[in-house]
Amino acid sequence: MPSQTLDGLKISSRVTLLEPGMYIFRYASQPPAEKPVCIALQQAPLGKGSIDFFPAEGISKNMLTKLGDTLVARVKGGVTTVLITEYHMFDDVIEPIDLRIDRIDTSPAIMRTFAVVATAEPAQALADNNAPMPLVVTAQLQHAGEVVSSEGWVGAPESEYFIEGFAIEWPNKPAGVDLLYTCMVAGSGPSRNVATGTFVGARGQGLPLICAGFSLVGPLRKHYELTGLIAFGTAEPQRLVTNQMMHGPSGNEPLVALHIAITPVTKMNAARSKSPWENSAPQQKISAASQLA
């Protein structure tokens, strides 16, 4: 989200998605003593679940201020969102602050004698190879109208046309997993989290998307890897980071390109998604007449 500066105090914020469970938030950076950075955590008004925070000794108002500061959080009732706000007490730029978010494992894997045993259900859910699963992305582009790609990508980096909204379909989606996504239209707040097949953003209003976030949910989500690339304005495309709102350098650049890939994960790591824009073979189809924004 866009940063704000108030008399030497620089404020930046982002939103992350969390599924029901227990989590540990840890301040994992050590900025210079003369350039302190505080991180505040609170529930964002998105999602159906709720979150309770349990601060460690010395933590006040869910504010992490130094290396090692820790919060334990309990998410219940459904997927929820956490607003992470950084307060920089200076004007200079420093290395990004690392906030570690780890989910507490409560599966049988925590047993000292646990052994991985293949079961019928995951075996049926996984494909025989590591090829990305087919995804269809439908996007509303400024001036170009609606475009559809069965290759999982739309737009192009540094394009003069920005993306006003999009929907992602997952044909033959396996049971036990789904893709959630959200976005932010310029001049408004984040949209609600939606599942595959739902359109987010605006149509024909001349307003670009400036943030977008993606995550996998469901009991079998660990059997799949979500990767991709996302580009804002003239900035270099970024690798997709799941469970995090992605945006440009200033938070105001328009979304111009999006690539999403979901790959079954076997014992070997799934191959990282390559940039679709390096190969001009896949084409996006304009499925609606162009219209002025």
Protein backbone atom coordinates (compact mmCIF):
# COMPACT_ATOMS: atom_id res chain seq x y z
CA MET A 1 0.00 0.00 0.00
CA PRO A 2 1.22 3.60 -0.56
CA SER A 3 3.63 5.08 1.98
CA GLN A 4 2.89 8.29 3.86
CA THR A 5 5.35 10.74 5.40
CA LEU A 6 4.41 12.88 8.39
CA ASP A 7 7.13 15.24 9.68
CA GLY A 8 9.92 12.68 9.50
CA LEU A 9 7.66 9.72 10.28
CA LYS A 10 7.27 7.40 7.29
CA ILE A 11 4.35 4.97 7.42
CA SER A 12 3.87 1.99 5.11
CA SER A 13 1.43 -0.88 5.34
CA ARG A 14 0.56 -4.18 3.72
CA VAL A 15 -2.02 -6.91 4.18
CA THR A 16 -1.45 -10.66 4.49
CA LEU A 17 -3.94 -13.55 4.42
CA LEU A 18 -3.99 -16.20 7.14
CA GLU A 19 -5.99 -19.42 7.39
CA PRO A 20 -7.26 -20.79 10.72
CA GLY A 21 -4.40 -21.95 12.93
CA MET A 22 -1.67 -20.74 15.27
CA TYR A 23 1.10 -18.40 14.07
CA ILE A 24 4.28 -16.82 15.41
CA PHE A 25 5.20 -13.27 14.32
CA ARG A 26 8.87 -12.37 14.92
CA TYR A 27 10.85 -9.19 14.31
CA ALA A 28 13.78 -10.66 12.35
CA SER A 29 15.86 -7.57 11.51
CA GLN A 30 18.28 -5.34 13.40
CA PRO A 31 18.10 -1.78 12.02
CA PRO A 32 20.58 0.86 13.24
CA ALA A 33 19.81 2.19 16.74
CA GLU A 34 19.49 5.72 15.38
CA LYS A 35 16.96 4.56 12.75
CA PRO A 36 14.30 2.60 14.65
CA VAL A 37 11.43 0.90 12.85
CA CYS A 38 8.30 -0.23 14.68
CA ILE A 39 5.88 -2.83 13.29
CA ALA A 40 2.25 -2.81 14.43
CA LEU A 41 -0.13 -5.73 13.85
CA GLN A 42 -3.91 -5.61 13.79
CA GLN A 43 -6.80 -7.40 12.11
CA ALA A 44 -7.85 -5.92 8.77
CA PRO A 45 -11.58 -5.69 7.95
CA LEU A 46 -11.41 -8.46 5.35
CA GLY A 47 -12.21 -12.16 5.57
CA LYS A 48 -14.71 -14.11 7.64
CA GLY A 49 -12.40 -15.16 10.48
CA SER A 50 -11.01 -13.41 13.53
CA ILE A 51 -7.57 -13.23 15.12
CA ASP A 52 -6.38 -13.03 18.72
CA PHE A 53 -2.89 -11.78 19.59
CA PHE A 54 -0.84 -13.02 22.55
CA PRO A 55 2.19 -10.73 23.02
CA ALA A 56 5.44 -11.87 24.61
CA GLU A 57 6.92 -10.18 27.67
CA GLY A 58 7.64 -6.50 27.03
CA ILE A 59 5.38 -6.18 23.97
CA SER A 60 2.72 -3.45 24.18
CA LYS A 61 -0.22 -2.80 21.85
CA ASN A 62 0.94 -5.50 19.39
CA MET A 63 3.95 -3.32 18.51
CA LEU A 64 7.23 -5.06 17.60
CA THR A 65 10.23 -2.74 17.95
CA LYS A 66 13.46 -4.75 18.00
CA LEU A 67 15.13 -7.99 16.98
CA GLY A 68 13.45 -10.97 18.62
CA ASP A 69 10.17 -9.29 19.59
CA THR A 70 7.47 -11.95 19.28
CA LEU A 71 3.69 -12.29 19.05
CA VAL A 72 1.67 -15.49 18.96
CA ALA A 73 -1.62 -15.27 17.06
CA ARG A 74 -4.67 -17.53 16.85
CA VAL A 75 -6.82 -17.36 13.71
CA LYS A 76 -10.28 -18.92 14.00
CA GLY A 77 -13.61 -18.97 12.17
CA GLY A 78 -12.20 -18.77 8.65
CA VAL A 79 -9.61 -16.98 6.55
CA THR A 80 -8.73 -13.56 7.92
CA THR A 81 -6.35 -10.72 7.05
CA VAL A 82 -3.72 -8.96 9.12
CA LEU A 83 -2.71 -5.33 8.56
CA ILE A 84 1.05 -4.93 9.00
CA THR A 85 2.09 -1.29 9.49
CA GLU A 86 5.69 -0.11 9.60
CA TYR A 87 6.63 3.18 11.29
CA HIS A 88 10.00 4.57 10.18
CA MET A 89 11.17 7.28 12.60
CA PHE A 90 13.39 8.96 10.00
CA ASP A 91 13.53 10.08 6.37
CA ASP A 92 16.44 7.92 5.14
CA VAL A 93 15.98 4.65 3.29
CA ILE A 94 17.25 1.44 4.97
CA GLU A 95 17.10 -2.26 4.16
CA PRO A 96 13.56 -3.70 4.32
CA ILE A 97 12.52 -4.95 7.74
CA ASP A 98 12.00 -8.72 7.90
CA LEU A 99 8.87 -9.82 9.75
CA ARG A 100 8.86 -13.63 9.99
CA ILE A 101 5.43 -15.27 10.05
CA ASP A 102 5.56 -19.00 10.82
CA ARG A 103 2.58 -21.30 11.20
CA ILE A 104 2.75 -23.70 14.14
CA ASP A 105 2.58 -27.24 12.77
CA THR A 106 -0.02 -29.37 14.57
CA SER A 107 0.00 -32.28 12.10
CA PRO A 108 1.37 -35.79 12.83
CA ALA A 109 4.69 -34.55 11.40
CA ILE A 110 5.56 -33.12 14.83
CA MET A 111 5.93 -36.65 16.26
CA ARG A 112 9.53 -37.75 16.72
CA THR A 113 8.68 -41.14 15.21
CA PHE A 114 6.66 -39.73 12.31
CA ALA A 115 7.35 -41.26 8.91
CA VAL A 116 5.96 -39.97 5.63
CA VAL A 117 3.46 -42.52 4.32
CA ALA A 118 1.76 -42.08 0.97
CA THR A 119 -2.03 -42.24 1.12
CA ALA A 120 -4.59 -42.74 -1.61
CA GLU A 121 -6.14 -39.26 -1.33
CA PRO A 122 -3.02 -37.15 -2.00
CA ALA A 123 -1.90 -39.56 -4.72
CA GLN A 124 -5.12 -38.99 -6.59
CA ALA A 125 -4.80 -35.25 -6.18
CA LEU A 126 -1.28 -35.05 -7.61
CA ALA A 127 -0.47 -35.15 -11.28
CA ASP A 128 2.13 -37.52 -12.69
CA ASN A 129 4.43 -34.67 -13.63
CA ASN A 130 5.33 -31.17 -12.53
CA ALA A 131 3.68 -29.35 -15.43
CA PRO A 132 1.64 -26.27 -14.40
CA MET A 133 -2.10 -26.89 -14.27
CA PRO A 134 -4.27 -25.05 -16.84
CA LEU A 135 -5.52 -21.64 -15.69
CA VAL A 136 -7.69 -19.20 -17.64
CA VAL A 137 -7.24 -15.50 -16.87
CA THR A 138 -9.84 -13.00 -18.06
CA ALA A 139 -8.85 -9.35 -17.66
CA GLN A 140 -10.34 -5.96 -18.42
CA LEU A 141 -7.63 -3.85 -20.05
CA GLN A 142 -7.75 -0.09 -20.46
CA HIS A 143 -8.91 0.77 -24.03
CA ALA A 144 -8.45 -2.86 -25.20
CA GLY A 145 -11.54 -4.22 -23.45
CA GLU A 146 -11.74 -7.81 -22.27
CA VAL A 147 -8.90 -10.22 -23.01
CA VAL A 148 -8.74 -13.93 -22.24
CA SER A 149 -5.64 -16.11 -21.91
CA SER A 150 -5.62 -19.88 -21.39
CA GLU A 151 -1.89 -19.67 -20.64
CA GLY A 152 -2.43 -18.10 -17.21
CA TRP A 153 -1.17 -14.62 -18.09
CA VAL A 154 -2.43 -11.27 -19.33
CA GLY A 155 -0.88 -7.92 -20.17
CA ALA A 156 2.79 -7.12 -20.70
CA PRO A 157 5.47 -5.34 -18.63
CA GLU A 158 5.75 -1.59 -19.29
CA SER A 159 2.56 -1.73 -21.35
CA GLU A 160 0.66 1.49 -21.94
CA TYR A 161 -2.57 -0.33 -21.09
CA PHE A 162 -3.26 -1.08 -17.44
CA ILE A 163 -5.46 -3.81 -15.96
CA GLU A 164 -8.78 -2.63 -14.51
CA GLY A 165 -9.91 -6.02 -13.18
CA PHE A 166 -9.51 -9.75 -13.67
CA ALA A 167 -10.92 -13.20 -12.94
CA ILE A 168 -9.04 -16.50 -12.74
CA GLU A 169 -10.65 -19.82 -13.63
CA TRP A 170 -9.14 -23.18 -12.69
CA PRO A 171 -10.61 -25.83 -15.00
CA ASN A 172 -10.64 -29.34 -13.51
CA LYS A 173 -9.64 -27.94 -10.13
CA PRO A 174 -8.83 -30.83 -7.77
CA ALA A 175 -10.69 -31.29 -4.51
CA GLY A 176 -9.14 -29.97 -1.32
CA VAL A 177 -7.53 -26.82 -2.70
CA ASP A 178 -8.60 -23.48 -4.14
CA LEU A 179 -7.08 -20.15 -5.18
CA LEU A 180 -8.08 -16.98 -3.34
CA TYR A 181 -7.25 -13.52 -4.64
CA THR A 182 -7.95 -9.88 -3.89
CA CYS A 183 -7.01 -6.49 -5.31
CA MET A 184 -7.17 -2.76 -4.75
CA VAL A 185 -8.56 -0.28 -7.28
CA ALA A 186 -6.90 3.14 -7.29
CA GLY A 187 -8.72 5.45 -4.90
CA SER A 188 -10.40 2.69 -2.90
CA GLY A 189 -9.60 0.07 -0.27
CA PRO A 190 -8.81 -3.64 -0.75
CA SER A 191 -11.57 -5.80 -2.17
CA ARG A 192 -12.82 -8.89 -0.37
CA ASN A 193 -11.06 -12.21 -0.87
CA VAL A 194 -12.71 -14.23 -3.64
CA ALA A 195 -12.31 -17.77 -4.98
CA THR A 196 -11.62 -18.87 -8.55
CA GLY A 197 -14.10 -17.75 -11.17
CA THR A 198 -14.94 -14.42 -9.48
CA PHE A 199 -14.15 -11.05 -11.07
CA VAL A 200 -12.38 -8.40 -8.96
CA GLY A 201 -11.70 -4.77 -9.85
CA ALA A 202 -13.66 -2.47 -12.14
CA ARG A 203 -14.86 -2.47 -15.75
CA GLY A 204 -14.58 0.53 -18.05
CA GLN A 205 -14.10 3.11 -15.28
CA GLY A 206 -10.57 4.11 -16.25
CA LEU A 207 -9.22 3.10 -12.83
CA PRO A 208 -6.21 0.78 -12.59
CA LEU A 209 -5.48 -1.89 -10.04
CA ILE A 210 -2.56 -0.86 -7.80
CA CYS A 211 -2.37 -3.93 -5.52
CA ALA A 212 -3.15 -7.63 -5.83
CA GLY A 213 -2.74 -10.64 -3.54
CA PHE A 214 -2.98 -14.41 -4.06
CA SER A 215 -2.99 -17.51 -1.85
CA LEU A 216 -3.83 -21.21 -1.90
CA VAL A 217 -6.31 -22.52 0.68
CA GLY A 218 -7.72 -25.90 1.60
CA PRO A 219 -6.51 -29.07 3.35
CA LEU A 220 -4.44 -30.20 0.32
CA ARG A 221 -2.89 -26.81 -0.46
CA LYS A 222 0.58 -28.07 0.55
CA HIS A 223 0.50 -30.41 -2.44
CA TYR A 224 0.58 -27.42 -4.82
CA GLU A 225 2.88 -24.48 -5.42
CA LEU A 226 1.62 -21.06 -6.47
CA THR A 227 4.11 -19.07 -8.53
CA GLY A 228 4.00 -16.26 -11.04
CA LEU A 229 5.06 -12.77 -12.01
CA ILE A 230 3.37 -9.42 -11.55
CA ALA A 231 4.33 -6.06 -13.07
CA PHE A 232 3.32 -2.52 -12.12
CA GLY A 233 3.94 0.48 -14.38
CA THR A 234 7.47 0.58 -15.76
CA ALA A 235 8.97 -1.32 -12.82
CA GLU A 236 10.63 -4.70 -13.28
CA PRO A 237 8.27 -7.69 -12.93
CA GLN A 238 8.23 -9.15 -9.41
CA ARG A 239 8.11 -12.79 -8.37
CA LEU A 240 4.72 -13.51 -6.85
CA VAL A 241 4.78 -13.77 -3.04
CA THR A 242 1.81 -15.72 -1.72
CA ASN A 243 -0.33 -14.42 1.14
CA GLN A 244 0.88 -10.87 0.57
CA MET A 245 -0.47 -7.81 -1.20
CA MET A 246 1.85 -7.02 -4.12
CA HIS A 247 2.33 -3.46 -5.39
CA GLY A 248 4.77 -1.23 -7.23
CA PRO A 249 7.69 0.75 -5.75
CA SER A 250 5.51 3.65 -4.56
CA GLY A 251 2.24 1.76 -4.22
CA ASN A 252 0.56 3.87 -6.91
CA GLU A 253 1.84 2.24 -10.11
CA PRO A 254 -0.88 0.56 -12.24
CA LEU A 255 -0.95 -3.19 -12.69
CA VAL A 256 0.02 -3.89 -16.32
CA ALA A 257 0.89 -7.59 -16.40
CA LEU A 258 -0.04 -10.70 -14.44
CA HIS A 259 1.14 -14.32 -14.70
CA ILE A 260 -0.22 -17.07 -12.43
CA ALA A 261 0.89 -20.74 -12.33
CA ILE A 262 -0.16 -23.58 -10.02
CA THR A 263 2.05 -26.66 -10.07
CA PRO A 264 1.62 -30.00 -8.26
CA VAL A 265 4.43 -30.52 -5.76
CA THR A 266 6.12 -33.91 -5.51
CA LYS A 267 9.17 -34.89 -3.45
CA MET A 268 11.27 -32.70 -5.70
CA ASN A 269 10.64 -28.97 -5.72
CA ALA A 270 8.42 -27.81 -8.55
CA ALA A 271 10.17 -25.86 -11.27
CA ARG A 272 9.99 -22.10 -10.88
CA SER A 273 7.66 -20.37 -13.29
CA LYS A 274 9.46 -18.75 -16.20
CA SER A 275 8.44 -15.40 -17.57
CA PRO A 276 5.75 -15.89 -20.23
CA TRP A 277 6.80 -12.64 -21.84
CA GLU A 278 10.11 -14.19 -22.94
CA ASN A 279 8.15 -16.29 -25.42
CA SER A 280 5.76 -14.47 -27.74
CA ALA A 281 4.03 -17.67 -28.89
CA PRO A 282 1.11 -17.62 -26.41
CA GLN A 283 -1.39 -14.99 -27.45
CA GLN A 284 -4.10 -13.24 -25.52
CA LYS A 285 -7.47 -13.17 -27.23
CA ILE A 286 -9.60 -10.05 -27.25
CA SER A 287 -13.08 -11.37 -26.54
CA ALA A 288 -14.95 -8.07 -26.40
CA ALA A 289 -14.98 -4.88 -28.42
CA SER A 290 -12.54 -2.19 -27.31
CA GLN A 291 -13.96 0.58 -25.21
CA LEU A 292 -12.72 3.86 -23.87
CA ALA A 293 -12.02 3.96 -20.16
